[in-house]
Amino acid sequence: MTDEGQGVVKTKIARKLTDGLAPAILNVIDESHHHAGHKHNHPDGETHFKVEVVSDAFEGKSRVERHRLINTLLADELAERVHALAITAKTPKEAATG
């Protein structure tokens, strides 16, 4: 996992995606600072995230199925603190070809 800072929500997201997808690559990026002052932004951040996941678990799945899988794994966070989640989900083969 990359990106500086380890907030509580970011750590939960990383753990759940790691446990559920066994990713080869996982980047969890808190982009909340880009949304300062917006309605759903929290003063401590951790409301807007981008995740980049490369996993064999996505093999044979459509883009929608991959996003649904990630959203299911992160259902608690999405129901509570996380307002926005941008997702990039690839298989290792897709990641290797760009």
N, C-alpha and C. Protein backbone atom coordinates (compact mmCIF):
# COMPACT_ATOMS: atom_id res chain seq x y z
N MET A 1 0.85 -1.17 0.00
CA MET A 1 0.00 0.00 0.00
C MET A 1 0.89 1.23 0.00
N THR A 2 0.50 2.23 -0.78
CA THR A 2 1.28 3.44 -0.83
C THR A 2 0.47 4.63 -0.35
N ASP A 3 1.09 5.79 -0.36
CA ASP A 3 0.53 7.07 0.07
C ASP A 3 0.95 7.31 1.51
N GLU A 4 1.21 8.55 1.80
CA GLU A 4 1.63 8.86 3.16
C GLU A 4 0.42 8.98 4.06
N GLY A 5 0.64 8.83 5.34
CA GLY A 5 -0.44 8.95 6.31
C GLY A 5 -1.22 7.66 6.44
N GLN A 6 -1.57 7.32 7.65
CA GLN A 6 -2.33 6.11 7.90
C GLN A 6 -3.48 6.45 8.82
N GLY A 7 -4.58 6.90 8.27
CA GLY A 7 -5.77 7.15 9.06
C GLY A 7 -6.47 5.85 9.39
N VAL A 8 -7.38 5.93 10.32
CA VAL A 8 -8.12 4.75 10.76
C VAL A 8 -8.94 4.17 9.61
N VAL A 9 -9.66 5.01 8.89
CA VAL A 9 -10.50 4.53 7.79
C VAL A 9 -9.64 3.96 6.67
N LYS A 10 -8.57 4.65 6.35
CA LYS A 10 -7.66 4.17 5.30
C LYS A 10 -7.10 2.79 5.65
N THR A 11 -6.75 2.61 6.90
CA THR A 11 -6.22 1.32 7.36
C THR A 11 -7.28 0.23 7.24
N LYS A 12 -8.53 0.54 7.60
CA LYS A 12 -9.61 -0.45 7.47
C LYS A 12 -9.84 -0.82 6.01
N ILE A 13 -9.83 0.17 5.15
CA ILE A 13 -10.02 -0.09 3.72
C ILE A 13 -8.92 -1.01 3.21
N ALA A 14 -7.69 -0.69 3.53
CA ALA A 14 -6.56 -1.51 3.07
C ALA A 14 -6.66 -2.94 3.60
N ARG A 15 -7.02 -3.09 4.86
CA ARG A 15 -7.12 -4.42 5.46
C ARG A 15 -8.23 -5.24 4.79
N LYS A 16 -9.39 -4.63 4.59
CA LYS A 16 -10.51 -5.36 4.00
C LYS A 16 -10.23 -5.76 2.55
N LEU A 17 -9.61 -4.87 1.80
CA LEU A 17 -9.29 -5.21 0.42
C LEU A 17 -8.19 -6.27 0.35
N THR A 18 -7.24 -6.21 1.26
CA THR A 18 -6.18 -7.21 1.31
C THR A 18 -6.75 -8.58 1.68
N ASP A 19 -7.59 -8.60 2.71
CA ASP A 19 -8.19 -9.86 3.15
C ASP A 19 -9.14 -10.44 2.08
N GLY A 20 -9.89 -9.59 1.41
CA GLY A 20 -10.90 -10.06 0.47
C GLY A 20 -10.42 -10.35 -0.93
N LEU A 21 -9.30 -9.70 -1.33
CA LEU A 21 -8.85 -9.81 -2.72
C LEU A 21 -7.43 -10.32 -2.90
N ALA A 22 -6.66 -10.43 -1.83
CA ALA A 22 -5.25 -10.84 -1.92
C ALA A 22 -4.56 -10.14 -3.09
N PRO A 23 -4.56 -8.80 -3.09
CA PRO A 23 -4.04 -8.08 -4.26
C PRO A 23 -2.53 -8.18 -4.42
N ALA A 24 -2.11 -8.17 -5.68
CA ALA A 24 -0.69 -8.08 -6.00
C ALA A 24 -0.22 -6.64 -5.80
N ILE A 25 -1.11 -5.71 -6.07
CA ILE A 25 -0.84 -4.28 -5.88
C ILE A 25 -2.07 -3.65 -5.25
N LEU A 26 -1.86 -2.82 -4.24
CA LEU A 26 -2.95 -2.09 -3.61
C LEU A 26 -2.47 -0.70 -3.23
N ASN A 27 -3.15 0.30 -3.76
CA ASN A 27 -2.90 1.69 -3.38
C ASN A 27 -4.21 2.26 -2.86
N VAL A 28 -4.18 2.76 -1.65
CA VAL A 28 -5.33 3.43 -1.05
C VAL A 28 -4.91 4.87 -0.83
N ILE A 29 -5.59 5.78 -1.51
CA ILE A 29 -5.18 7.18 -1.51
C ILE A 29 -6.32 8.04 -0.97
N ASP A 30 -6.04 8.76 0.11
CA ASP A 30 -7.02 9.67 0.70
C ASP A 30 -6.97 10.97 -0.09
N GLU A 31 -8.05 11.27 -0.80
CA GLU A 31 -8.13 12.48 -1.60
C GLU A 31 -9.03 13.54 -0.95
N SER A 32 -9.31 13.38 0.31
CA SER A 32 -10.24 14.26 1.01
C SER A 32 -9.81 15.72 0.98
N HIS A 33 -8.51 15.96 0.98
CA HIS A 33 -8.02 17.34 0.99
C HIS A 33 -8.46 18.11 -0.26
N HIS A 34 -8.78 17.39 -1.33
CA HIS A 34 -9.28 18.04 -2.55
C HIS A 34 -10.73 18.51 -2.40
N HIS A 35 -11.37 18.08 -1.33
CA HIS A 35 -12.79 18.35 -1.15
C HIS A 35 -13.07 19.17 0.11
N ALA A 36 -12.05 19.83 0.63
CA ALA A 36 -12.21 20.66 1.83
C ALA A 36 -13.33 21.68 1.61
N GLY A 37 -14.20 21.79 2.58
CA GLY A 37 -15.30 22.73 2.50
C GLY A 37 -16.55 22.18 1.86
N HIS A 38 -16.47 21.01 1.23
CA HIS A 38 -17.65 20.40 0.62
C HIS A 38 -18.56 19.83 1.70
N LYS A 39 -19.80 19.66 1.39
CA LYS A 39 -20.82 19.24 2.33
C LYS A 39 -20.45 17.97 3.11
N HIS A 40 -19.98 16.94 2.44
CA HIS A 40 -19.74 15.65 3.10
C HIS A 40 -18.30 15.46 3.57
N ASN A 41 -17.50 16.48 3.48
CA ASN A 41 -16.11 16.37 3.94
C ASN A 41 -16.06 16.48 5.45
N HIS A 42 -15.24 15.67 6.06
CA HIS A 42 -15.04 15.68 7.51
C HIS A 42 -13.78 16.48 7.82
N PRO A 43 -13.75 17.23 8.91
CA PRO A 43 -12.55 18.03 9.23
C PRO A 43 -11.26 17.20 9.31
N ASP A 44 -11.39 15.94 9.68
CA ASP A 44 -10.22 15.06 9.79
C ASP A 44 -9.93 14.31 8.49
N GLY A 45 -10.69 14.62 7.43
CA GLY A 45 -10.48 13.92 6.16
C GLY A 45 -11.09 12.54 6.17
N GLU A 46 -10.52 11.65 5.38
CA GLU A 46 -10.94 10.25 5.27
C GLU A 46 -12.41 10.11 4.83
N THR A 47 -12.80 10.94 3.86
CA THR A 47 -14.15 10.85 3.30
C THR A 47 -14.13 10.54 1.82
N HIS A 48 -13.05 10.87 1.13
CA HIS A 48 -12.93 10.68 -0.31
C HIS A 48 -11.66 9.87 -0.60
N PHE A 49 -11.83 8.71 -1.19
CA PHE A 49 -10.70 7.83 -1.45
C PHE A 49 -10.63 7.40 -2.90
N LYS A 50 -9.42 7.06 -3.30
CA LYS A 50 -9.18 6.38 -4.58
C LYS A 50 -8.47 5.08 -4.23
N VAL A 51 -8.94 3.97 -4.80
CA VAL A 51 -8.26 2.70 -4.62
C VAL A 51 -7.84 2.17 -5.98
N GLU A 52 -6.64 1.67 -6.02
CA GLU A 52 -6.09 1.03 -7.21
C GLU A 52 -5.73 -0.39 -6.79
N VAL A 53 -6.42 -1.36 -7.38
CA VAL A 53 -6.26 -2.75 -6.97
C VAL A 53 -5.94 -3.62 -8.17
N VAL A 54 -4.91 -4.43 -8.03
CA VAL A 54 -4.56 -5.44 -9.04
C VAL A 54 -4.67 -6.79 -8.34
N SER A 55 -5.57 -7.63 -8.85
CA SER A 55 -5.82 -8.90 -8.18
C SER A 55 -6.30 -9.97 -9.17
N ASP A 56 -5.90 -11.20 -8.91
CA ASP A 56 -6.41 -12.34 -9.67
C ASP A 56 -7.91 -12.53 -9.45
N ALA A 57 -8.44 -11.98 -8.36
CA ALA A 57 -9.87 -12.12 -8.05
C ALA A 57 -10.75 -11.47 -9.11
N PHE A 58 -10.18 -10.59 -9.93
CA PHE A 58 -10.96 -9.90 -10.96
C PHE A 58 -11.01 -10.66 -12.29
N GLU A 59 -10.26 -11.74 -12.39
CA GLU A 59 -10.22 -12.52 -13.63
C GLU A 59 -11.62 -12.98 -14.01
N GLY A 60 -12.01 -12.70 -15.25
CA GLY A 60 -13.31 -13.12 -15.75
C GLY A 60 -14.48 -12.25 -15.31
N LYS A 61 -14.21 -11.19 -14.57
CA LYS A 61 -15.27 -10.30 -14.09
C LYS A 61 -15.30 -9.01 -14.90
N SER A 62 -16.50 -8.50 -15.12
CA SER A 62 -16.66 -7.23 -15.81
C SER A 62 -16.25 -6.09 -14.88
N ARG A 63 -16.15 -4.92 -15.45
CA ARG A 63 -15.82 -3.73 -14.65
C ARG A 63 -16.87 -3.51 -13.56
N VAL A 64 -18.12 -3.66 -13.90
CA VAL A 64 -19.20 -3.49 -12.92
C VAL A 64 -19.10 -4.53 -11.81
N GLU A 65 -18.83 -5.78 -12.16
CA GLU A 65 -18.68 -6.84 -11.15
C GLU A 65 -17.50 -6.56 -10.21
N ARG A 66 -16.43 -6.05 -10.75
CA ARG A 66 -15.25 -5.71 -9.93
C ARG A 66 -15.59 -4.60 -8.94
N HIS A 67 -16.28 -3.58 -9.42
CA HIS A 67 -16.66 -2.46 -8.55
C HIS A 67 -17.63 -2.93 -7.47
N ARG A 68 -18.58 -3.77 -7.86
CA ARG A 68 -19.53 -4.31 -6.87
C ARG A 68 -18.82 -5.11 -5.80
N LEU A 69 -17.84 -5.89 -6.19
CA LEU A 69 -17.07 -6.68 -5.24
C LEU A 69 -16.37 -5.77 -4.23
N ILE A 70 -15.72 -4.74 -4.72
CA ILE A 70 -15.04 -3.80 -3.83
C ILE A 70 -16.05 -3.06 -2.95
N ASN A 71 -17.14 -2.61 -3.53
CA ASN A 71 -18.16 -1.91 -2.74
C ASN A 71 -18.75 -2.81 -1.66
N THR A 72 -18.91 -4.09 -1.95
CA THR A 72 -19.42 -5.03 -0.94
C THR A 72 -18.41 -5.18 0.20
N LEU A 73 -17.15 -5.32 -0.15
CA LEU A 73 -16.12 -5.45 0.89
C LEU A 73 -16.05 -4.21 1.78
N LEU A 74 -16.35 -3.05 1.22
CA LEU A 74 -16.24 -1.79 1.96
C LEU A 74 -17.61 -1.21 2.35
N ALA A 75 -18.62 -2.05 2.41
CA ALA A 75 -19.99 -1.59 2.68
C ALA A 75 -20.09 -0.77 3.97
N ASP A 76 -19.45 -1.21 5.03
CA ASP A 76 -19.53 -0.48 6.31
C ASP A 76 -18.93 0.92 6.19
N GLU A 77 -17.78 1.01 5.55
CA GLU A 77 -17.12 2.31 5.40
C GLU A 77 -17.95 3.25 4.50
N LEU A 78 -18.53 2.70 3.45
CA LEU A 78 -19.35 3.51 2.54
C LEU A 78 -20.65 3.96 3.21
N ALA A 79 -21.16 3.18 4.14
CA ALA A 79 -22.38 3.54 4.85
C ALA A 79 -22.13 4.57 5.93
N GLU A 80 -20.88 4.68 6.36
CA GLU A 80 -20.57 5.58 7.47
C GLU A 80 -19.78 6.79 6.99
N ARG A 81 -18.49 6.72 6.99
CA ARG A 81 -17.61 7.88 6.81
C ARG A 81 -17.29 8.20 5.35
N VAL A 82 -17.11 7.18 4.53
CA VAL A 82 -16.64 7.39 3.16
C VAL A 82 -17.79 7.90 2.29
N HIS A 83 -17.57 9.06 1.69
CA HIS A 83 -18.57 9.68 0.84
C HIS A 83 -18.34 9.35 -0.64
N ALA A 84 -17.08 9.21 -1.04
CA ALA A 84 -16.75 8.96 -2.44
C ALA A 84 -15.61 7.96 -2.54
N LEU A 85 -15.73 7.07 -3.51
CA LEU A 85 -14.71 6.05 -3.74
C LEU A 85 -14.48 5.89 -5.24
N ALA A 86 -13.30 6.27 -5.69
CA ALA A 86 -12.91 6.07 -7.09
C ALA A 86 -12.14 4.75 -7.15
N ILE A 87 -12.47 3.92 -8.13
CA ILE A 87 -11.92 2.57 -8.19
C ILE A 87 -11.24 2.31 -9.53
N THR A 88 -10.02 1.78 -9.45
CA THR A 88 -9.35 1.18 -10.60
C THR A 88 -9.08 -0.26 -10.21
N ALA A 89 -9.65 -1.21 -10.94
CA ALA A 89 -9.55 -2.62 -10.61
C ALA A 89 -9.11 -3.40 -11.84
N LYS A 90 -7.93 -4.01 -11.76
CA LYS A 90 -7.36 -4.73 -12.90
C LYS A 90 -6.86 -6.10 -12.48
N THR A 91 -6.78 -6.99 -13.45
CA THR A 91 -6.10 -8.26 -13.24
C THR A 91 -4.60 -8.00 -13.41
N PRO A 92 -3.75 -8.89 -12.93
CA PRO A 92 -2.30 -8.71 -13.14
C PRO A 92 -1.94 -8.61 -14.62
N LYS A 93 -2.60 -9.37 -15.48
CA LYS A 93 -2.33 -9.31 -16.91
C LYS A 93 -2.68 -7.93 -17.48
N GLU A 94 -3.82 -7.39 -17.09
CA GLU A 94 -4.23 -6.06 -17.54
C GLU A 94 -3.25 -4.99 -17.06
N ALA A 95 -2.81 -5.12 -15.83
CA ALA A 95 -1.89 -4.15 -15.26
C ALA A 95 -0.54 -4.19 -15.99
N ALA A 96 -0.12 -5.38 -16.40
CA ALA A 96 1.16 -5.53 -17.08
C ALA A 96 1.14 -4.96 -18.49
N THR A 97 -0.05 -4.90 -19.10
CA THR A 97 -0.14 -4.40 -20.47
C THR A 97 -0.53 -2.93 -20.53
N GLY A 98 -0.67 -2.31 -19.36
CA GLY A 98 -0.95 -0.87 -19.35
C GLY A 98 -2.32 -0.61 -18.97
